[in-house]
Amino acid sequence: MTSKGSKDKDQHFSIEKAFEEVNQLIERLEDPKLSLAESMDLYKKGVELLDQCGKNLDLTEKELIILQEAQES
């Protein structure tokens, strides 16, 4: 179930929504009233989102390369 679960998660991942959420996290991080613990939690969430965006972009690039190679042959 691990590989299928992560594959399902990737299929439902929206890079646009992730970037929107990262922007919201940045706005919240700019709040001077935010505690250090809250800041760290938000930062970690942002890092996780950006990591997932990178993985999603890598996967998309690989798919494009495969399609391009198939078209050329």
PDB file of N, CA and C in Angstrom:
ATOM      1  N   MET A   1       0.811  -1.199   0.000  1.00  0.00           N
ATOM      2  CA  MET A   1       0.000   0.000   0.000  1.00  0.00           C
ATOM      3  C   MET A   1       0.854   1.262   0.000  1.00  0.00           C
ATOM      4  N   THR A   2       2.087   1.167   0.455  1.00  0.00           N
ATOM      5  CA  THR A   2       2.935   2.345   0.527  1.00  0.00           C
ATOM      6  C   THR A   2       3.142   2.978  -0.832  1.00  0.00           C
ATOM      7  N   SER A   3       3.542   2.188  -1.831  1.00  0.00           N
ATOM      8  CA  SER A   3       3.807   2.785  -3.135  1.00  0.00           C
ATOM      9  C   SER A   3       2.521   3.272  -3.796  1.00  0.00           C
ATOM     10  N   LYS A   4       1.433   2.500  -3.651  1.00  0.00           N
ATOM     11  CA  LYS A   4       0.170   2.932  -4.239  1.00  0.00           C
ATOM     12  C   LYS A   4      -0.348   4.178  -3.535  1.00  0.00           C
ATOM     13  N   GLY A   5      -0.224   4.214  -2.221  1.00  0.00           N
ATOM     14  CA  GLY A   5      -0.681   5.379  -1.460  1.00  0.00           C
ATOM     15  C   GLY A   5       0.077   6.626  -1.843  1.00  0.00           C
ATOM     16  N   SER A   6       1.399   6.525  -1.998  1.00  0.00           N
ATOM     17  CA  SER A   6       2.169   7.698  -2.376  1.00  0.00           C
ATOM     18  C   SER A   6       1.899   8.077  -3.822  1.00  0.00           C
ATOM     19  N   LYS A   7       1.643   7.079  -4.686  1.00  0.00           N
ATOM     20  CA  LYS A   7       1.310   7.388  -6.075  1.00  0.00           C
ATOM     21  C   LYS A   7      -0.025   8.119  -6.141  1.00  0.00           C
ATOM     22  N   ASP A   8      -1.002   7.660  -5.379  1.00  0.00           N
ATOM     23  CA  ASP A   8      -2.297   8.346  -5.334  1.00  0.00           C
ATOM     24  C   ASP A   8      -2.124   9.770  -4.830  1.00  0.00           C
ATOM     25  N   LYS A   9      -1.289   9.951  -3.821  1.00  0.00           N
ATOM     26  CA  LYS A   9      -1.049  11.276  -3.265  1.00  0.00           C
ATOM     27  C   LYS A   9      -0.434  12.183  -4.329  1.00  0.00           C
ATOM     28  N   ASP A  10       0.531  11.661  -5.108  1.00  0.00           N
ATOM     29  CA  ASP A  10       1.165  12.446  -6.162  1.00  0.00           C
ATOM     30  C   ASP A  10       0.166  12.832  -7.238  1.00  0.00           C
ATOM     31  N   GLN A  11      -0.770  11.928  -7.571  1.00  0.00           N
ATOM     32  CA  GLN A  11      -1.740  12.212  -8.617  1.00  0.00           C
ATOM     33  C   GLN A  11      -2.703  13.321  -8.197  1.00  0.00           C
ATOM     34  N   HIS A  12      -2.948  13.463  -6.915  1.00  0.00           N
ATOM     35  CA  HIS A  12      -3.886  14.475  -6.433  1.00  0.00           C
ATOM     36  C   HIS A  12      -3.168  15.751  -6.000  1.00  0.00           C
ATOM     37  N   PHE A  13      -1.856  15.760  -6.133  1.00  0.00           N
ATOM     38  CA  PHE A  13      -1.059  16.916  -5.744  1.00  0.00           C
ATOM     39  C   PHE A  13      -1.213  18.017  -6.782  1.00  0.00           C
ATOM     40  N   SER A  14      -1.456  19.212  -6.325  1.00  0.00           N
ATOM     41  CA  SER A  14      -1.568  20.371  -7.219  1.00  0.00           C
ATOM     42  C   SER A  14      -0.442  21.333  -6.883  1.00  0.00           C
ATOM     43  N   ILE A  15       0.460  21.493  -7.826  1.00  0.00           N
ATOM     44  CA  ILE A  15       1.594  22.387  -7.586  1.00  0.00           C
ATOM     45  C   ILE A  15       1.129  23.827  -7.408  1.00  0.00           C
ATOM     46  N   GLU A  16       0.071  24.194  -8.115  1.00  0.00           N
ATOM     47  CA  GLU A  16      -0.460  25.553  -7.974  1.00  0.00           C
ATOM     48  C   GLU A  16      -0.993  25.788  -6.555  1.00  0.00           C
ATOM     49  N   LYS A  17      -1.718  24.799  -6.032  1.00  0.00           N
ATOM     50  CA  LYS A  17      -2.241  24.934  -4.669  1.00  0.00           C
ATOM     51  C   LYS A  17      -1.108  24.936  -3.649  1.00  0.00           C
ATOM     52  N   ALA A  18      -0.075  24.143  -3.919  1.00  0.00           N
ATOM     53  CA  ALA A  18       1.071  24.095  -3.010  1.00  0.00           C
ATOM     54  C   ALA A  18       1.782  25.440  -2.965  1.00  0.00           C
ATOM     55  N   PHE A  19       1.995  26.058  -4.132  1.00  0.00           N
ATOM     56  CA  PHE A  19       2.636  27.374  -4.152  1.00  0.00           C
ATOM     57  C   PHE A  19       1.771  28.423  -3.457  1.00  0.00           C
ATOM     58  N   GLU A  20       0.467  28.314  -3.636  1.00  0.00           N
ATOM     59  CA  GLU A  20      -0.448  29.236  -2.952  1.00  0.00           C
ATOM     60  C   GLU A  20      -0.326  29.054  -1.437  1.00  0.00           C
ATOM     61  N   GLU A  21      -0.259  27.822  -1.004  1.00  0.00           N
ATOM     62  CA  GLU A  21      -0.126  27.550   0.428  1.00  0.00           C
ATOM     63  C   GLU A  21       1.221  28.037   0.965  1.00  0.00           C
ATOM     64  N   VAL A  22       2.283  27.866   0.178  1.00  0.00           N
ATOM     65  CA  VAL A  22       3.600  28.362   0.588  1.00  0.00           C
ATOM     66  C   VAL A  22       3.545  29.884   0.751  1.00  0.00           C
ATOM     67  N   ASN A  23       2.895  30.564  -0.170  1.00  0.00           N
ATOM     68  CA  ASN A  23       2.760  32.022  -0.049  1.00  0.00           C
ATOM     69  C   ASN A  23       1.999  32.410   1.219  1.00  0.00           C
ATOM     70  N   GLN A  24       0.970  31.644   1.545  1.00  0.00           N
ATOM     71  CA  GLN A  24       0.214  31.911   2.778  1.00  0.00           C
ATOM     72  C   GLN A  24       1.091  31.670   4.004  1.00  0.00           C
ATOM     73  N   LEU A  25       1.914  30.620   3.946  1.00  0.00           N
ATOM     74  CA  LEU A  25       2.826  30.339   5.057  1.00  0.00           C
ATOM     75  C   LEU A  25       3.824  31.484   5.236  1.00  0.00           C
ATOM     76  N   ILE A  26       4.322  32.006   4.130  1.00  0.00           N
ATOM     77  CA  ILE A  26       5.268  33.125   4.194  1.00  0.00           C
ATOM     78  C   ILE A  26       4.619  34.328   4.863  1.00  0.00           C
ATOM     79  N   GLU A  27       3.387  34.621   4.480  1.00  0.00           N
ATOM     80  CA  GLU A  27       2.677  35.748   5.095  1.00  0.00           C
ATOM     81  C   GLU A  27       2.534  35.537   6.602  1.00  0.00           C
ATOM     82  N   ARG A  28       2.200  34.303   6.984  1.00  0.00           N
ATOM     83  CA  ARG A  28       2.046  34.023   8.417  1.00  0.00           C
ATOM     84  C   ARG A  28       3.383  34.118   9.143  1.00  0.00           C
ATOM     85  N   LEU A  29       4.465  33.698   8.477  1.00  0.00           N
ATOM     86  CA  LEU A  29       5.792  33.754   9.093  1.00  0.00           C
ATOM     87  C   LEU A  29       6.262  35.191   9.323  1.00  0.00           C
ATOM     88  N   GLU A  30       5.722  36.124   8.582  1.00  0.00           N
ATOM     89  CA  GLU A  30       6.092  37.524   8.736  1.00  0.00           C
ATOM     90  C   GLU A  30       5.445  38.183   9.953  1.00  0.00           C
ATOM     91  N   ASP A  31       4.545  37.473  10.611  1.00  0.00           N
ATOM     92  CA  ASP A  31       3.868  38.005  11.792  1.00  0.00           C
ATOM     93  C   ASP A  31       4.844  38.010  12.973  1.00  0.00           C
ATOM     94  N   PRO A  32       5.185  39.185  13.495  1.00  0.00           N
ATOM     95  CA  PRO A  32       6.141  39.255  14.605  1.00  0.00           C
ATOM     96  C   PRO A  32       5.609  38.651  15.912  1.00  0.00           C
ATOM     97  N   LYS A  33       4.315  38.429  15.995  1.00  0.00           N
ATOM     98  CA  LYS A  33       3.730  37.857  17.209  1.00  0.00           C
ATOM     99  C   LYS A  33       3.825  36.329  17.236  1.00  0.00           C
ATOM    100  N   LEU A  34       4.253  35.736  16.141  1.00  0.00           N
ATOM    101  CA  LEU A  34       4.337  34.285  16.032  1.00  0.00           C
ATOM    102  C   LEU A  34       5.447  33.752  16.930  1.00  0.00           C
ATOM    103  N   SER A  35       5.149  32.699  17.667  1.00  0.00           N
ATOM    104  CA  SER A  35       6.166  32.116  18.537  1.00  0.00           C
ATOM    105  C   SER A  35       7.206  31.369  17.705  1.00  0.00           C
ATOM    106  N   LEU A  36       8.336  31.099  18.322  1.00  0.00           N
ATOM    107  CA  LEU A  36       9.401  30.365  17.643  1.00  0.00           C
ATOM    108  C   LEU A  36       8.923  28.969  17.237  1.00  0.00           C
ATOM    109  N   ALA A  37       8.207  28.297  18.114  1.00  0.00           N
ATOM    110  CA  ALA A  37       7.703  26.953  17.818  1.00  0.00           C
ATOM    111  C   ALA A  37       6.734  26.978  16.635  1.00  0.00           C
ATOM    112  N   GLU A  38       5.839  27.969  16.629  1.00  0.00           N
ATOM    113  CA  GLU A  38       4.893  28.093  15.515  1.00  0.00           C
ATOM    114  C   GLU A  38       5.626  28.405  14.215  1.00  0.00           C
ATOM    115  N   SER A  39       6.634  29.267  14.303  1.00  0.00           N
ATOM    116  CA  SER A  39       7.433  29.603  13.124  1.00  0.00           C
ATOM    117  C   SER A  39       8.124  28.366  12.565  1.00  0.00           C
ATOM    118  N   MET A  40       8.684  27.560  13.448  1.00  0.00           N
ATOM    119  CA  MET A  40       9.366  26.340  12.999  1.00  0.00           C
ATOM    120  C   MET A  40       8.389  25.367  12.350  1.00  0.00           C
ATOM    121  N   ASP A  41       7.202  25.232  12.913  1.00  0.00           N
ATOM    122  CA  ASP A  41       6.193  24.349  12.326  1.00  0.00           C
ATOM    123  C   ASP A  41       5.801  24.812  10.923  1.00  0.00           C
ATOM    124  N   LEU A  42       5.589  26.114  10.779  1.00  0.00           N
ATOM    125  CA  LEU A  42       5.225  26.660   9.472  1.00  0.00           C
ATOM    126  C   LEU A  42       6.374  26.501   8.477  1.00  0.00           C
ATOM    127  N   TYR A  43       7.595  26.738   8.946  1.00  0.00           N
ATOM    128  CA  TYR A  43       8.767  26.599   8.088  1.00  0.00           C
ATOM    129  C   TYR A  43       8.903  25.159   7.594  1.00  0.00           C
ATOM    130  N   LYS A  44       8.756  24.204   8.512  1.00  0.00           N
ATOM    131  CA  LYS A  44       8.852  22.787   8.135  1.00  0.00           C
ATOM    132  C   LYS A  44       7.785  22.420   7.112  1.00  0.00           C
ATOM    133  N   LYS A  45       6.585  22.918   7.307  1.00  0.00           N
ATOM    134  CA  LYS A  45       5.514  22.639   6.356  1.00  0.00           C
ATOM    135  C   LYS A  45       5.850  23.225   4.985  1.00  0.00           C
ATOM    136  N   GLY A  46       6.409  24.424   4.967  1.00  0.00           N
ATOM    137  CA  GLY A  46       6.812  25.039   3.710  1.00  0.00           C
ATOM    138  C   GLY A  46       7.895  24.242   3.000  1.00  0.00           C
ATOM    139  N   VAL A  47       8.868  23.764   3.762  1.00  0.00           N
ATOM    140  CA  VAL A  47       9.944  22.955   3.187  1.00  0.00           C
ATOM    141  C   VAL A  47       9.373  21.666   2.599  1.00  0.00           C
ATOM    142  N   GLU A  48       8.453  21.032   3.308  1.00  0.00           N
ATOM    143  CA  GLU A  48       7.825  19.807   2.811  1.00  0.00           C
ATOM    144  C   GLU A  48       7.052  20.061   1.518  1.00  0.00           C
ATOM    145  N   LEU A  49       6.311  21.166   1.484  1.00  0.00           N
ATOM    146  CA  LEU A  49       5.555  21.505   0.281  1.00  0.00           C
ATOM    147  C   LEU A  49       6.481  21.759  -0.906  1.00  0.00           C
ATOM    148  N   LEU A  50       7.553  22.508  -0.675  1.00  0.00           N
ATOM    149  CA  LEU A  50       8.488  22.800  -1.759  1.00  0.00           C
ATOM    150  C   LEU A  50       9.214  21.537  -2.221  1.00  0.00           C
ATOM    151  N   ASP A  51       9.495  20.636  -1.290  1.00  0.00           N
ATOM    152  CA  ASP A  51      10.110  19.354  -1.655  1.00  0.00           C
ATOM    153  C   ASP A  51       9.166  18.551  -2.547  1.00  0.00           C
ATOM    154  N   GLN A  52       7.897  18.525  -2.177  1.00  0.00           N
ATOM    155  CA  GLN A  52       6.904  17.815  -2.981  1.00  0.00           C
ATOM    156  C   GLN A  52       6.764  18.470  -4.357  1.00  0.00           C
ATOM    157  N   CYS A  53       6.835  19.795  -4.414  1.00  0.00           N
ATOM    158  CA  CYS A  53       6.787  20.498  -5.700  1.00  0.00           C
ATOM    159  C   CYS A  53       7.965  20.074  -6.579  1.00  0.00           C
ATOM    160  N   GLY A  54       9.143  20.011  -5.984  1.00  0.00           N
ATOM    161  CA  GLY A  54      10.329  19.592  -6.731  1.00  0.00           C
ATOM    162  C   GLY A  54      10.191  18.180  -7.271  1.00  0.00           C
ATOM    163  N   LYS A  55       9.685  17.279  -6.451  1.00  0.00           N
ATOM    164  CA  LYS A  55       9.485  15.893  -6.884  1.00  0.00           C
ATOM    165  C   LYS A  55       8.452  15.838  -8.009  1.00  0.00           C
ATOM    166  N   ASN A  56       7.400  16.618  -7.867  1.00  0.00           N
ATOM    167  CA  ASN A  56       6.360  16.650  -8.889  1.00  0.00           C
ATOM    168  C   ASN A  56       6.906  17.185 -10.209  1.00  0.00           C
ATOM    169  N   LEU A  57       7.711  18.235 -10.144  1.00  0.00           N
ATOM    170  CA  LEU A  57       8.313  18.795 -11.358  1.00  0.00           C
ATOM    171  C   LEU A  57       9.286  17.810 -12.001  1.00  0.00           C
ATOM    172  N   ASP A  58      10.061  17.102 -11.186  1.00  0.00           N
ATOM    173  CA  ASP A  58      10.983  16.092 -11.713  1.00  0.00           C
ATOM    174  C   ASP A  58      10.227  14.995 -12.441  1.00  0.00           C
ATOM    175  N   LEU A  59       9.148  14.531 -11.842  1.00  0.00           N
ATOM    176  CA  LEU A  59       8.333  13.482 -12.455  1.00  0.00           C
ATOM    177  C   LEU A  59       7.734  13.967 -13.772  1.00  0.00           C
ATOM    178  N   THR A  60       7.249  15.180 -13.782  1.00  0.00           N
ATOM    179  CA  THR A  60       6.662  15.751 -15.003  1.00  0.00           C
ATOM    180  C   THR A  60       7.718  15.868 -16.089  1.00  0.00           C
ATOM    181  N   GLU A  61       8.919  16.303 -15.724  1.00  0.00           N
ATOM    182  CA  GLU A  61      10.005  16.416 -16.695  1.00  0.00           C
ATOM    183  C   GLU A  61      10.351  15.050 -17.291  1.00  0.00           C
ATOM    184  N   LYS A  62      10.414  14.026 -16.448  1.00  0.00           N
ATOM    185  CA  LYS A  62      10.703  12.674 -16.935  1.00  0.00           C
ATOM    186  C   LYS A  62       9.627  12.196 -17.908  1.00  0.00           C
ATOM    187  N   GLU A  63       8.380  12.479 -17.587  1.00  0.00           N
ATOM    188  CA  GLU A  63       7.282  12.086 -18.474  1.00  0.00           C
ATOM    189  C   GLU A  63       7.378  12.799 -19.816  1.00  0.00           C
ATOM    190  N   LEU A  64       7.748  14.078 -19.790  1.00  0.00           N
ATOM    191  CA  LEU A  64       7.897  14.834 -21.031  1.00  0.00           C
ATOM    192  C   LEU A  64       9.039  14.287 -21.883  1.00  0.00           C
ATOM    193  N   ILE A  65      10.136  13.914 -21.244  1.00  0.00           N
ATOM    194  CA  ILE A  65      11.261  13.338 -21.970  1.00  0.00           C
ATOM    195  C   ILE A  65      10.867  12.033 -22.624  1.00  0.00           C
ATOM    196  N   ILE A  66      10.136  11.200 -21.908  1.00  0.00           N
ATOM    197  CA  ILE A  66       9.682   9.919 -22.450  1.00  0.00           C
ATOM    198  C   ILE A  66       8.750  10.155 -23.642  1.00  0.00           C
ATOM    199  N   LEU A  67       7.839  11.091 -23.523  1.00  0.00           N
ATOM    200  CA  LEU A  67       6.930  11.397 -24.632  1.00  0.00           C
ATOM    201  C   LEU A  67       7.690  11.925 -25.845  1.00  0.00           C
ATOM    202  N   GLN A  68       8.661  12.792 -25.587  1.00  0.00           N
ATOM    203  CA  GLN A  68       9.442  13.358 -26.679  1.00  0.00           C
ATOM    204  C   GLN A  68      10.260  12.266 -27.367  1.00  0.00           C
ATOM    205  N   GLU A  69      10.875  11.368 -26.601  1.00  0.00           N
ATOM    206  CA  GLU A  69      11.650  10.288 -27.191  1.00  0.00           C
ATOM    207  C   GLU A  69      10.767   9.343 -27.990  1.00  0.00           C
ATOM    208  N   ALA A  70       9.560   9.097 -27.500  1.00  0.00           N
ATOM    209  CA  ALA A  70       8.630   8.221 -28.216  1.00  0.00           C
ATOM    210  C   ALA A  70       8.206   8.865 -29.526  1.00  0.00           C
ATOM    211  N   GLN A  71       8.046  10.164 -29.517  1.00  0.00           N
ATOM    212  CA  GLN A  71       7.624  10.877 -30.722  1.00  0.00           C
ATOM    213  C   GLN A  71       8.743  10.898 -31.769  1.00  0.00           C
ATOM    214  N   GLU A  72       9.979  10.962 -31.308  1.00  0.00           N
ATOM    215  CA  GLU A  72      11.125  11.017 -32.219  1.00  0.00           C
ATOM    216  C   GLU A  72      11.437   9.667 -32.851  1.00  0.00           C
ATOM    217  N   SER A  73      11.008   8.588 -32.238  1.00  0.00           N
ATOM    218  CA  SER A  73      11.335   7.267 -32.785  1.00  0.00           C
ATOM    219  C   SER A  73      10.298   6.746 -33.733  1.00  0.00           C
TER     220      SER A  73
END
